[in-house]
Amino acid sequence: MLNLYPYNNGHLMVAPYEHVGAFDQLSAETLADMMAQAQWAIRALKAAMNPDGFNMGINMGKVAGAGFAEHIHYHIVPRWNGDTNFMPVIGDIKVMPEHLDVVYEKLLQALAETKAS
């Protein structure tokens, strides 16, 4: 999923169909599928956006940002050298260099061109 409120351009999330409240409650099959989807997302992001690195992490529980208790999701945030600046610190504003629709089209094409595991 493309994050509607991205930390950076291309910020994707992988969420299981299985609704559980904790990572350790996911089945081995679901975990394997999530990691395969994450690998595919990374390949597509590399092809479409050429990031210098990634931040990746899991939100577990409402207080951690999962939105509601019986849900977890995995964030994949592309990063570039110099992608942080004074705007978020001084102006409390995050500048996004590309519109979400443009990022969506780039990633849609890259996902079609890369292989899912």
PDB file of N, CA and C in Angstrom:
ATOM      1  N   MET A   1       0.844  -1.180   0.000  1.00  0.00           N
ATOM      2  CA  MET A   1       0.000   0.000   0.000  1.00  0.00           C
ATOM      3  C   MET A   1       0.882   1.235   0.000  1.00  0.00           C
ATOM      4  N   LEU A   2       0.471   2.219  -0.775  1.00  0.00           N
ATOM      5  CA  LEU A   2       1.142   3.517  -0.750  1.00  0.00           C
ATOM      6  C   LEU A   2       0.567   4.307   0.414  1.00  0.00           C
ATOM      7  N   ASN A   3       1.429   4.792   1.290  1.00  0.00           N
ATOM      8  CA  ASN A   3       0.985   5.526   2.470  1.00  0.00           C
ATOM      9  C   ASN A   3       0.375   6.860   2.049  1.00  0.00           C
ATOM     10  N   LEU A   4      -0.852   7.137   2.497  1.00  0.00           N
ATOM     11  CA  LEU A   4      -1.538   8.379   2.168  1.00  0.00           C
ATOM     12  C   LEU A   4      -0.879   9.581   2.839  1.00  0.00           C
ATOM     13  N   TYR A   5      -0.218   9.357   3.969  1.00  0.00           N
ATOM     14  CA  TYR A   5       0.479  10.419   4.697  1.00  0.00           C
ATOM     15  C   TYR A   5       1.944  10.019   4.838  1.00  0.00           C
ATOM     16  N   PRO A   6       2.681  10.060   3.730  1.00  0.00           N
ATOM     17  CA  PRO A   6       4.037   9.491   3.723  1.00  0.00           C
ATOM     18  C   PRO A   6       5.057  10.300   4.510  1.00  0.00           C
ATOM     19  N   TYR A   7       6.004   9.581   5.081  1.00  0.00           N
ATOM     20  CA  TYR A   7       7.164  10.210   5.697  1.00  0.00           C
ATOM     21  C   TYR A   7       8.097  10.732   4.605  1.00  0.00           C
ATOM     22  N   ASN A   8       8.180   9.993   3.511  1.00  0.00           N
ATOM     23  CA  ASN A   8       8.988  10.349   2.347  1.00  0.00           C
ATOM     24  C   ASN A   8       8.263   9.858   1.105  1.00  0.00           C
ATOM     25  N   ASN A   9       8.619  10.384  -0.056  1.00  0.00           N
ATOM     26  CA  ASN A   9       8.041   9.874  -1.300  1.00  0.00           C
ATOM     27  C   ASN A   9       8.291   8.381  -1.415  1.00  0.00           C
ATOM     28  N   GLY A  10       7.276   7.642  -1.849  1.00  0.00           N
ATOM     29  CA  GLY A  10       7.410   6.205  -2.020  1.00  0.00           C
ATOM     30  C   GLY A  10       7.208   5.393  -0.760  1.00  0.00           C
ATOM     31  N   HIS A  11       6.786   6.017   0.327  1.00  0.00           N
ATOM     32  CA  HIS A  11       6.561   5.339   1.605  1.00  0.00           C
ATOM     33  C   HIS A  11       5.452   4.300   1.423  1.00  0.00           C
ATOM     34  N   LEU A  12       5.842   3.033   1.516  1.00  0.00           N
ATOM     35  CA  LEU A  12       4.900   1.928   1.339  1.00  0.00           C
ATOM     36  C   LEU A  12       4.655   1.210   2.656  1.00  0.00           C
ATOM     37  N   MET A  13       3.538   0.493   2.711  1.00  0.00           N
ATOM     38  CA  MET A  13       3.223  -0.336   3.865  1.00  0.00           C
ATOM     39  C   MET A  13       2.780  -1.715   3.376  1.00  0.00           C
ATOM     40  N   VAL A  14       3.168  -2.721   4.109  1.00  0.00           N
ATOM     41  CA  VAL A  14       2.721  -4.084   3.853  1.00  0.00           C
ATOM     42  C   VAL A  14       1.879  -4.484   5.063  1.00  0.00           C
ATOM     43  N   ALA A  15       0.631  -4.851   4.812  1.00  0.00           N
ATOM     44  CA  ALA A  15      -0.266  -5.254   5.896  1.00  0.00           C
ATOM     45  C   ALA A  15      -0.825  -6.640   5.592  1.00  0.00           C
ATOM     46  N   PRO A  16      -0.855  -7.507   6.590  1.00  0.00           N
ATOM     47  CA  PRO A  16      -1.415  -8.839   6.356  1.00  0.00           C
ATOM     48  C   PRO A  16      -2.940  -8.785   6.293  1.00  0.00           C
ATOM     49  N   TYR A  17      -3.526  -9.732   5.581  1.00  0.00           N
ATOM     50  CA  TYR A  17      -4.977  -9.874   5.584  1.00  0.00           C
ATOM     51  C   TYR A  17      -5.453 -10.345   6.958  1.00  0.00           C
ATOM     52  N   GLU A  18      -4.581 -11.116   7.607  1.00  0.00           N
ATOM     53  CA  GLU A  18      -4.870 -11.665   8.928  1.00  0.00           C
ATOM     54  C   GLU A  18      -4.881 -10.531   9.958  1.00  0.00           C
ATOM     55  N   HIS A  19      -5.989 -10.347  10.660  1.00  0.00           N
ATOM     56  CA  HIS A  19      -6.089  -9.279  11.664  1.00  0.00           C
ATOM     57  C   HIS A  19      -5.713  -9.823  13.035  1.00  0.00           C
ATOM     58  N   VAL A  20      -4.513  -9.487  13.443  1.00  0.00           N
ATOM     59  CA  VAL A  20      -4.025  -9.839  14.775  1.00  0.00           C
ATOM     60  C   VAL A  20      -3.394  -8.592  15.377  1.00  0.00           C
ATOM     61  N   GLY A  21      -3.279  -8.599  16.687  1.00  0.00           N
ATOM     62  CA  GLY A  21      -2.758  -7.419  17.354  1.00  0.00           C
ATOM     63  C   GLY A  21      -1.278  -7.431  17.634  1.00  0.00           C
ATOM     64  N   ALA A  22      -0.600  -8.537  17.333  1.00  0.00           N
ATOM     65  CA  ALA A  22       0.823  -8.619  17.665  1.00  0.00           C
ATOM     66  C   ALA A  22       1.582  -9.415  16.615  1.00  0.00           C
ATOM     67  N   PHE A  23       2.790  -8.984  16.375  1.00  0.00           N
ATOM     68  CA  PHE A  23       3.672  -9.630  15.406  1.00  0.00           C
ATOM     69  C   PHE A  23       3.859 -11.107  15.735  1.00  0.00           C
ATOM     70  N   ASP A  24       4.004 -11.404  17.010  1.00  0.00           N
ATOM     71  CA  ASP A  24       4.248 -12.792  17.412  1.00  0.00           C
ATOM     72  C   ASP A  24       3.008 -13.675  17.307  1.00  0.00           C
ATOM     73  N   GLN A  25       1.870 -13.111  16.930  1.00  0.00           N
ATOM     74  CA  GLN A  25       0.657 -13.901  16.708  1.00  0.00           C
ATOM     75  C   GLN A  25       0.467 -14.271  15.234  1.00  0.00           C
ATOM     76  N   LEU A  26       1.279 -13.708  14.357  1.00  0.00           N
ATOM     77  CA  LEU A  26       1.156 -14.019  12.934  1.00  0.00           C
ATOM     78  C   LEU A  26       1.676 -15.416  12.642  1.00  0.00           C
ATOM     79  N   SER A  27       1.031 -16.082  11.715  1.00  0.00           N
ATOM     80  CA  SER A  27       1.479 -17.418  11.321  1.00  0.00           C
ATOM     81  C   SER A  27       2.785 -17.320  10.533  1.00  0.00           C
ATOM     82  N   ALA A  28       3.521 -18.416  10.489  1.00  0.00           N
ATOM     83  CA  ALA A  28       4.767 -18.453   9.722  1.00  0.00           C
ATOM     84  C   ALA A  28       4.496 -18.167   8.248  1.00  0.00           C
ATOM     85  N   GLU A  29       3.391 -18.664   7.739  1.00  0.00           N
ATOM     86  CA  GLU A  29       3.021 -18.424   6.341  1.00  0.00           C
ATOM     87  C   GLU A  29       2.766 -16.937   6.077  1.00  0.00           C
ATOM     88  N   THR A  30       2.064 -16.275   6.986  1.00  0.00           N
ATOM     89  CA  THR A  30       1.795 -14.842   6.829  1.00  0.00           C
ATOM     90  C   THR A  30       3.082 -14.038   6.920  1.00  0.00           C
ATOM     91  N   LEU A  31       3.947 -14.391   7.868  1.00  0.00           N
ATOM     92  CA  LEU A  31       5.236 -13.696   7.999  1.00  0.00           C
ATOM     93  C   LEU A  31       6.069 -13.837   6.728  1.00  0.00           C
ATOM     94  N   ALA A  32       6.120 -15.034   6.187  1.00  0.00           N
ATOM     95  CA  ALA A  32       6.883 -15.266   4.956  1.00  0.00           C
ATOM     96  C   ALA A  32       6.299 -14.450   3.807  1.00  0.00           C
ATOM     97  N   ASP A  33       4.982 -14.395   3.719  1.00  0.00           N
ATOM     98  CA  ASP A  33       4.334 -13.619   2.666  1.00  0.00           C
ATOM     99  C   ASP A  33       4.614 -12.130   2.829  1.00  0.00           C
ATOM    100  N   MET A  34       4.566 -11.627   4.061  1.00  0.00           N
ATOM    101  CA  MET A  34       4.862 -10.208   4.296  1.00  0.00           C
ATOM    102  C   MET A  34       6.291  -9.859   3.887  1.00  0.00           C
ATOM    103  N   MET A  35       7.229 -10.726   4.217  1.00  0.00           N
ATOM    104  CA  MET A  35       8.629 -10.458   3.868  1.00  0.00           C
ATOM    105  C   MET A  35       8.833 -10.536   2.356  1.00  0.00           C
ATOM    106  N   ALA A  36       8.155 -11.464   1.682  1.00  0.00           N
ATOM    107  CA  ALA A  36       8.251 -11.543   0.221  1.00  0.00           C
ATOM    108  C   ALA A  36       7.674 -10.280  -0.412  1.00  0.00           C
ATOM    109  N   GLN A  37       6.563  -9.786   0.129  1.00  0.00           N
ATOM    110  CA  GLN A  37       5.964  -8.553  -0.379  1.00  0.00           C
ATOM    111  C   GLN A  37       6.896  -7.362  -0.128  1.00  0.00           C
ATOM    112  N   ALA A  38       7.550  -7.347   1.035  1.00  0.00           N
ATOM    113  CA  ALA A  38       8.501  -6.280   1.346  1.00  0.00           C
ATOM    114  C   ALA A  38       9.682  -6.295   0.366  1.00  0.00           C
ATOM    115  N   GLN A  39      10.183  -7.485   0.047  1.00  0.00           N
ATOM    116  CA  GLN A  39      11.285  -7.589  -0.924  1.00  0.00           C
ATOM    117  C   GLN A  39      10.851  -7.066  -2.291  1.00  0.00           C
ATOM    118  N   TRP A  40       9.655  -7.411  -2.707  1.00  0.00           N
ATOM    119  CA  TRP A  40       9.127  -6.944  -3.990  1.00  0.00           C
ATOM    120  C   TRP A  40       8.990  -5.419  -3.977  1.00  0.00           C
ATOM    121  N   ALA A  41       8.478  -4.887  -2.879  1.00  0.00           N
ATOM    122  CA  ALA A  41       8.334  -3.435  -2.754  1.00  0.00           C
ATOM    123  C   ALA A  41       9.686  -2.738  -2.844  1.00  0.00           C
ATOM    124  N   ILE A  42      10.700  -3.309  -2.204  1.00  0.00           N
ATOM    125  CA  ILE A  42      12.044  -2.712  -2.238  1.00  0.00           C
ATOM    126  C   ILE A  42      12.612  -2.745  -3.653  1.00  0.00           C
ATOM    127  N   ARG A  43      12.429  -3.851  -4.357  1.00  0.00           N
ATOM    128  CA  ARG A  43      12.901  -3.928  -5.751  1.00  0.00           C
ATOM    129  C   ARG A  43      12.216  -2.862  -6.611  1.00  0.00           C
ATOM    130  N   ALA A  44      10.914  -2.702  -6.419  1.00  0.00           N
ATOM    131  CA  ALA A  44      10.171  -1.708  -7.199  1.00  0.00           C
ATOM    132  C   ALA A  44      10.606  -0.292  -6.840  1.00  0.00           C
ATOM    133  N   LEU A  45      10.794  -0.020  -5.557  1.00  0.00           N
ATOM    134  CA  LEU A  45      11.242   1.309  -5.141  1.00  0.00           C
ATOM    135  C   LEU A  45      12.630   1.624  -5.689  1.00  0.00           C
ATOM    136  N   LYS A  46      13.521   0.637  -5.662  1.00  0.00           N
ATOM    137  CA  LYS A  46      14.861   0.839  -6.233  1.00  0.00           C
ATOM    138  C   LYS A  46      14.759   1.157  -7.722  1.00  0.00           C
ATOM    139  N   ALA A  47      13.923   0.425  -8.444  1.00  0.00           N
ATOM    140  CA  ALA A  47      13.789   0.627  -9.892  1.00  0.00           C
ATOM    141  C   ALA A  47      13.146   1.969 -10.217  1.00  0.00           C
ATOM    142  N   ALA A  48      12.144   2.356  -9.460  1.00  0.00           N
ATOM    143  CA  ALA A  48      11.373   3.556  -9.782  1.00  0.00           C
ATOM    144  C   ALA A  48      11.975   4.835  -9.231  1.00  0.00           C
ATOM    145  N   MET A  49      12.647   4.749  -8.074  1.00  0.00           N
ATOM    146  CA  MET A  49      13.021   5.979  -7.370  1.00  0.00           C
ATOM    147  C   MET A  49      14.492   6.088  -7.003  1.00  0.00           C
ATOM    148  N   ASN A  50      15.243   5.002  -7.143  1.00  0.00           N
ATOM    149  CA  ASN A  50      16.682   5.001  -6.885  1.00  0.00           C
ATOM    150  C   ASN A  50      17.065   5.598  -5.522  1.00  0.00           C
ATOM    151  N   PRO A  51      16.482   5.100  -4.423  1.00  0.00           N
ATOM    152  CA  PRO A  51      16.854   5.635  -3.111  1.00  0.00           C
ATOM    153  C   PRO A  51      18.248   5.184  -2.693  1.00  0.00           C
ATOM    154  N   ASP A  52      18.817   5.917  -1.734  1.00  0.00           N
ATOM    155  CA  ASP A  52      20.132   5.572  -1.200  1.00  0.00           C
ATOM    156  C   ASP A  52      20.041   4.553  -0.065  1.00  0.00           C
ATOM    157  N   GLY A  53      18.866   4.381   0.499  1.00  0.00           N
ATOM    158  CA  GLY A  53      18.671   3.446   1.600  1.00  0.00           C
ATOM    159  C   GLY A  53      17.197   3.377   1.967  1.00  0.00           C
ATOM    160  N   PHE A  54      16.907   2.675   3.055  1.00  0.00           N
ATOM    161  CA  PHE A  54      15.527   2.487   3.499  1.00  0.00           C
ATOM    162  C   PHE A  54      15.456   2.503   5.016  1.00  0.00           C
ATOM    163  N   ASN A  55      14.363   3.003   5.547  1.00  0.00           N
ATOM    164  CA  ASN A  55      13.961   2.755   6.932  1.00  0.00           C
ATOM    165  C   ASN A  55      12.816   1.760   6.846  1.00  0.00           C
ATOM    166  N   MET A  56      12.861   0.756   7.710  1.00  0.00           N
ATOM    167  CA  MET A  56      11.814  -0.262   7.705  1.00  0.00           C
ATOM    168  C   MET A  56      11.435  -0.568   9.150  1.00  0.00           C
ATOM    169  N   GLY A  57      10.135  -0.717   9.389  1.00  0.00           N
ATOM    170  CA  GLY A  57       9.706  -1.019  10.740  1.00  0.00           C
ATOM    171  C   GLY A  57       8.246  -1.415  10.809  1.00  0.00           C
ATOM    172  N   ILE A  58       7.868  -1.969  11.933  1.00  0.00           N
ATOM    173  CA  ILE A  58       6.521  -2.480  12.144  1.00  0.00           C
ATOM    174  C   ILE A  58       5.828  -1.659  13.226  1.00  0.00           C
ATOM    175  N   ASN A  59       4.585  -1.271  12.937  1.00  0.00           N
ATOM    176  CA  ASN A  59       3.738  -0.651  13.947  1.00  0.00           C
ATOM    177  C   ASN A  59       2.853  -1.746  14.528  1.00  0.00           C
ATOM    178  N   MET A  60       2.883  -1.875  15.846  1.00  0.00           N
ATOM    179  CA  MET A  60       2.099  -2.912  16.512  1.00  0.00           C
ATOM    180  C   MET A  60       1.337  -2.278  17.665  1.00  0.00           C
ATOM    181  N   GLY A  61       0.034  -2.270  17.554  1.00  0.00           N
ATOM    182  CA  GLY A  61      -0.816  -1.698  18.592  1.00  0.00           C
ATOM    183  C   GLY A  61      -1.211  -0.268  18.290  1.00  0.00           C
ATOM    184  N   LYS A  62      -2.379   0.117  18.759  1.00  0.00           N
ATOM    185  CA  LYS A  62      -2.927   1.446  18.491  1.00  0.00           C
ATOM    186  C   LYS A  62      -1.981   2.564  18.954  1.00  0.00           C
ATOM    187  N   VAL A  63      -1.414   2.419  20.124  1.00  0.00           N
ATOM    188  CA  VAL A  63      -0.538   3.445  20.665  1.00  0.00           C
ATOM    189  C   VAL A  63       0.740   3.612  19.834  1.00  0.00           C
ATOM    190  N   ALA A  64       1.117   2.568  19.094  1.00  0.00           N
ATOM    191  CA  ALA A  64       2.322   2.607  18.262  1.00  0.00           C
ATOM    192  C   ALA A  64       2.038   3.102  16.845  1.00  0.00           C
ATOM    193  N   GLY A  65       0.792   3.459  16.581  1.00  0.00           N
ATOM    194  CA  GLY A  65       0.465   4.008  15.268  1.00  0.00           C
ATOM    195  C   GLY A  65      -0.243   3.045  14.347  1.00  0.00           C
ATOM    196  N   ALA A  66      -0.653   1.894  14.848  1.00  0.00           N
ATOM    197  CA  ALA A  66      -1.325   0.922  13.984  1.00  0.00           C
ATOM    198  C   ALA A  66      -2.772   1.313  13.690  1.00  0.00           C
ATOM    199  N   GLY A  67      -3.304   2.318  14.361  1.00  0.00           N
ATOM    200  CA  GLY A  67      -4.656   2.790  14.090  1.00  0.00           C
ATOM    201  C   GLY A  67      -5.704   2.136  14.962  1.00  0.00           C
ATOM    202  N   PHE A  68      -5.663   0.818  15.058  1.00  0.00           N
ATOM    203  CA  PHE A  68      -6.555   0.110  15.968  1.00  0.00           C
ATOM    204  C   PHE A  68      -5.860  -1.145  16.475  1.00  0.00           C
ATOM    205  N   ALA A  69      -6.396  -1.715  17.523  1.00  0.00           N
ATOM    206  CA  ALA A  69      -5.689  -2.744  18.289  1.00  0.00           C
ATOM    207  C   ALA A  69      -5.365  -4.008  17.500  1.00  0.00           C
ATOM    208  N   GLU A  70      -6.270  -4.507  16.697  1.00  0.00           N
ATOM    209  CA  GLU A  70      -6.064  -5.789  16.014  1.00  0.00           C
ATOM    210  C   GLU A  70      -5.471  -5.599  14.616  1.00  0.00           C
ATOM    211  N   HIS A  71      -4.376  -4.868  14.553  1.00  0.00           N
ATOM    212  CA  HIS A  71      -3.788  -4.586  13.253  1.00  0.00           C
ATOM    213  C   HIS A  71      -2.304  -4.282  13.414  1.00  0.00           C
ATOM    214  N   ILE A  72      -1.514  -4.822  12.500  1.00  0.00           N
ATOM    215  CA  ILE A  72      -0.112  -4.419  12.398  1.00  0.00           C
ATOM    216  C   ILE A  72       0.186  -4.132  10.931  1.00  0.00           C
ATOM    217  N   HIS A  73       1.210  -3.357  10.682  1.00  0.00           N
ATOM    218  CA  HIS A  73       1.670  -3.145   9.315  1.00  0.00           C
ATOM    219  C   HIS A  73       3.163  -2.839   9.331  1.00  0.00           C
ATOM    220  N   TYR A  74       3.763  -3.075   8.194  1.00  0.00           N
ATOM    221  CA  TYR A  74       5.209  -2.966   8.016  1.00  0.00           C
ATOM    222  C   TYR A  74       5.485  -1.775   7.107  1.00  0.00           C
ATOM    223  N   HIS A  75       6.286  -0.832   7.575  1.00  0.00           N
ATOM    224  CA  HIS A  75       6.625   0.360   6.793  1.00  0.00           C
ATOM    225  C   HIS A  75       7.918   0.147   6.013  1.00  0.00           C
ATOM    226  N   ILE A  76       7.932   0.635   4.789  1.00  0.00           N
ATOM    227  CA  ILE A  76       9.141   0.659   3.964  1.00  0.00           C
ATOM    228  C   ILE A  76       9.264   2.098   3.470  1.00  0.00           C
ATOM    229  N   VAL A  77      10.255   2.803   3.989  1.00  0.00           N
ATOM    230  CA  VAL A  77      10.421   4.224   3.688  1.00  0.00           C
ATOM    231  C   VAL A  77      11.741   4.429   2.949  1.00  0.00           C
ATOM    232  N   PRO A  78      11.661   4.801   1.661  1.00  0.00           N
ATOM    233  CA  PRO A  78      12.903   5.084   0.940  1.00  0.00           C
ATOM    234  C   PRO A  78      13.563   6.354   1.481  1.00  0.00           C
ATOM    235  N   ARG A  79      14.883   6.344   1.488  1.00  0.00           N
ATOM    236  CA  ARG A  79      15.646   7.496   1.999  1.00  0.00           C
ATOM    237  C   ARG A  79      16.719   7.876   0.994  1.00  0.00           C
ATOM    238  N   TRP A  80      17.018   9.169   0.951  1.00  0.00           N
ATOM    239  CA  TRP A  80      18.052   9.716   0.087  1.00  0.00           C
ATOM    240  C   TRP A  80      18.983  10.556   0.928  1.00  0.00           C
ATOM    241  N   ASN A  81      20.259  10.578   0.547  1.00  0.00           N
ATOM    242  CA  ASN A  81      21.204  11.463   1.227  1.00  0.00           C
ATOM    243  C   ASN A  81      20.668  12.884   1.147  1.00  0.00           C
ATOM    244  N   GLY A  82      20.588  13.539   2.285  1.00  0.00           N
ATOM    245  CA  GLY A  82      20.129  14.926   2.321  1.00  0.00           C
ATOM    246  C   GLY A  82      18.621  15.092   2.261  1.00  0.00           C
ATOM    247  N   ASP A  83      17.842  14.035   2.508  1.00  0.00           N
ATOM    248  CA  ASP A  83      16.382  14.168   2.397  1.00  0.00           C
ATOM    249  C   ASP A  83      15.739  14.829   3.615  1.00  0.00           C
ATOM    250  N   THR A  84      16.529  15.148   4.615  1.00  0.00           N
ATOM    251  CA  THR A  84      15.999  15.931   5.736  1.00  0.00           C
ATOM    252  C   THR A  84      16.618  17.310   5.691  1.00  0.00           C
ATOM    253  N   ASN A  85      15.855  18.289   6.165  1.00  0.00           N
ATOM    254  CA  ASN A  85      16.339  19.667   6.164  1.00  0.00           C
ATOM    255  C   ASN A  85      15.672  20.431   7.296  1.00  0.00           C
ATOM    256  N   PHE A  86      15.755  21.729   7.271  1.00  0.00           N
ATOM    257  CA  PHE A  86      15.238  22.543   8.355  1.00  0.00           C
ATOM    258  C   PHE A  86      13.720  22.664   8.370  1.00  0.00           C
ATOM    259  N   MET A  87      13.034  22.357   7.269  1.00  0.00           N
ATOM    260  CA  MET A  87      11.587  22.573   7.188  1.00  0.00           C
ATOM    261  C   MET A  87      10.795  21.836   8.280  1.00  0.00           C
ATOM    262  N   PRO A  88      11.035  20.538   8.511  1.00  0.00           N
ATOM    263  CA  PRO A  88      10.266  19.869   9.559  1.00  0.00           C
ATOM    264  C   PRO A  88      10.597  20.383  10.967  1.00  0.00           C
ATOM    265  N   VAL A  89      11.847  20.800  11.167  1.00  0.00           N
ATOM    266  CA  VAL A  89      12.277  21.243  12.487  1.00  0.00           C
ATOM    267  C   VAL A  89      11.802  22.665  12.780  1.00  0.00           C
ATOM    268  N   ILE A  90      12.052  23.580  11.866  1.00  0.00           N
ATOM    269  CA  ILE A  90      11.717  24.988  12.072  1.00  0.00           C
ATOM    270  C   ILE A  90      10.259  25.285  11.714  1.00  0.00           C
ATOM    271  N   GLY A  91       9.828  24.816  10.549  1.00  0.00           N
ATOM    272  CA  GLY A  91       8.502  25.168  10.048  1.00  0.00           C
ATOM    273  C   GLY A  91       7.412  24.174  10.355  1.00  0.00           C
ATOM    274  N   ASP A  92       7.764  23.026  10.970  1.00  0.00           N
ATOM    275  CA  ASP A  92       6.792  21.966  11.245  1.00  0.00           C
ATOM    276  C   ASP A  92       6.040  21.568   9.976  1.00  0.00           C
ATOM    277  N   ILE A  93       6.804  21.490   8.860  1.00  0.00           N
ATOM    278  CA  ILE A  93       6.249  21.164   7.543  1.00  0.00           C
ATOM    279  C   ILE A  93       7.142  20.118   6.894  1.00  0.00           C
ATOM    280  N   LYS A  94       6.535  19.123   6.276  1.00  0.00           N
ATOM    281  CA  LYS A  94       7.280  18.133   5.502  1.00  0.00           C
ATOM    282  C   LYS A  94       7.066  18.442   4.033  1.00  0.00           C
ATOM    283  N   VAL A  95       8.140  18.678   3.303  1.00  0.00           N
ATOM    284  CA  VAL A  95       8.067  18.987   1.881  1.00  0.00           C
ATOM    285  C   VAL A  95       8.173  17.685   1.094  1.00  0.00           C
ATOM    286  N   MET A  96       7.195  17.442   0.234  1.00  0.00           N
ATOM    287  CA  MET A  96       7.196  16.249  -0.608  1.00  0.00           C
ATOM    288  C   MET A  96       7.471  16.693  -2.043  1.00  0.00           C
ATOM    289  N   PRO A  97       8.585  16.271  -2.638  1.00  0.00           N
ATOM    290  CA  PRO A  97       8.964  16.770  -3.962  1.00  0.00           C
ATOM    291  C   PRO A  97       8.107  16.243  -5.120  1.00  0.00           C
ATOM    292  N   GLU A  98       7.330  15.182  -4.895  1.00  0.00           N
ATOM    293  CA  GLU A  98       6.468  14.656  -5.954  1.00  0.00           C
ATOM    294  C   GLU A  98       5.069  14.424  -5.395  1.00  0.00           C
ATOM    295  N   HIS A  99       4.070  14.673  -6.219  1.00  0.00           N
ATOM    296  CA  HIS A  99       2.691  14.425  -5.824  1.00  0.00           C
ATOM    297  C   HIS A  99       2.464  12.930  -5.678  1.00  0.00           C
ATOM    298  N   LEU A 100       1.590  12.546  -4.761  1.00  0.00           N
ATOM    299  CA  LEU A 100       1.302  11.144  -4.495  1.00  0.00           C
ATOM    300  C   LEU A 100       0.850  10.401  -5.755  1.00  0.00           C
ATOM    301  N   ASP A 101       0.093  11.059  -6.625  1.00  0.00           N
ATOM    302  CA  ASP A 101      -0.359  10.421  -7.862  1.00  0.00           C
ATOM    303  C   ASP A 101       0.808  10.080  -8.790  1.00  0.00           C
ATOM    304  N   VAL A 102       1.820  10.941  -8.831  1.00  0.00           N
ATOM    305  CA  VAL A 102       3.001  10.695  -9.658  1.00  0.00           C
ATOM    306  C   VAL A 102       3.784   9.502  -9.107  1.00  0.00           C
ATOM    307  N   VAL A 103       3.948   9.476  -7.792  1.00  0.00           N
ATOM    308  CA  VAL A 103       4.646   8.367  -7.145  1.00  0.00           C
ATOM    309  C   VAL A 103       3.885   7.060  -7.393  1.00  0.00           C
ATOM    310  N   TYR A 104       2.576   7.103  -7.279  1.00  0.00           N
ATOM    311  CA  TYR A 104       1.744   5.918  -7.524  1.00  0.00           C
ATOM    312  C   TYR A 104       1.980   5.354  -8.916  1.00  0.00           C
ATOM    313  N   GLU A 105       1.960   6.206  -9.919  1.00  0.00           N
ATOM    314  CA  GLU A 105       2.156   5.747 -11.304  1.00  0.00           C
ATOM    315  C   GLU A 105       3.540   5.152 -11.502  1.00  0.00           C
ATOM    316  N   LYS A 106       4.559   5.777 -10.939  1.00  0.00           N
ATOM    317  CA  LYS A 106       5.922   5.247 -11.043  1.00  0.00           C
ATOM    318  C   LYS A 106       6.021   3.860 -10.411  1.00  0.00           C
ATOM    319  N   LEU A 107       5.450   3.730  -9.219  1.00  0.00           N
ATOM    320  CA  LEU A 107       5.545   2.455  -8.514  1.00  0.00           C
ATOM    321  C   LEU A 107       4.676   1.385  -9.154  1.00  0.00           C
ATOM    322  N   LEU A 108       3.534   1.762  -9.674  1.00  0.00           N
ATOM    323  CA  LEU A 108       2.679   0.798 -10.353  1.00  0.00           C
ATOM    324  C   LEU A 108       3.418   0.173 -11.536  1.00  0.00           C
ATOM    325  N   GLN A 109       4.096   0.999 -12.303  1.00  0.00           N
ATOM    326  CA  GLN A 109       4.876   0.511 -13.435  1.00  0.00           C
ATOM    327  C   GLN A 109       6.036  -0.358 -12.961  1.00  0.00           C
ATOM    328  N   ALA A 110       6.753   0.104 -11.923  1.00  0.00           N
ATOM    329  CA  ALA A 110       7.897  -0.665 -11.416  1.00  0.00           C
ATOM    330  C   ALA A 110       7.464  -1.999 -10.832  1.00  0.00           C
ATOM    331  N   LEU A 111       6.315  -2.048 -10.173  1.00  0.00           N
ATOM    332  CA  LEU A 111       5.818  -3.317  -9.631  1.00  0.00           C
ATOM    333  C   LEU A 111       5.490  -4.288 -10.759  1.00  0.00           C
ATOM    334  N   ALA A 112       4.940  -3.768 -11.828  1.00  0.00           N
ATOM    335  CA  ALA A 112       4.609  -4.613 -12.987  1.00  0.00           C
ATOM    336  C   ALA A 112       5.863  -5.159 -13.647  1.00  0.00           C
ATOM    337  N   GLU A 113       6.946  -4.387 -13.605  1.00  0.00           N
ATOM    338  CA  GLU A 113       8.187  -4.772 -14.268  1.00  0.00           C
ATOM    339  C   GLU A 113       9.114  -5.615 -13.389  1.00  0.00           C
ATOM    340  N   THR A 114       8.869  -5.636 -12.084  1.00  0.00           N
ATOM    341  CA  THR A 114       9.705  -6.441 -11.186  1.00  0.00           C
ATOM    342  C   THR A 114       8.945  -7.702 -10.821  1.00  0.00           C
ATOM    343  N   LYS A 115       9.661  -8.666 -10.354  1.00  0.00           N
ATOM    344  CA  LYS A 115       9.057  -9.966 -10.057  1.00  0.00           C
ATOM    345  C   LYS A 115       8.662 -10.059  -8.589  1.00  0.00           C
ATOM    346  N   ALA A 116       7.439 -10.475  -8.349  1.00  0.00           N
ATOM    347  CA  ALA A 116       7.006 -10.783  -6.996  1.00  0.00           C
ATOM    348  C   ALA A 116       7.582 -12.133  -6.599  1.00  0.00           C
ATOM    349  N   SER A 117       7.987 -12.279  -5.357  1.00  0.00           N
ATOM    350  CA  SER A 117       8.537 -13.576  -4.882  1.00  0.00           C
ATOM    351  C   SER A 117       7.417 -14.489  -4.464  1.00  0.00           C
TER     352      SER A 117
END
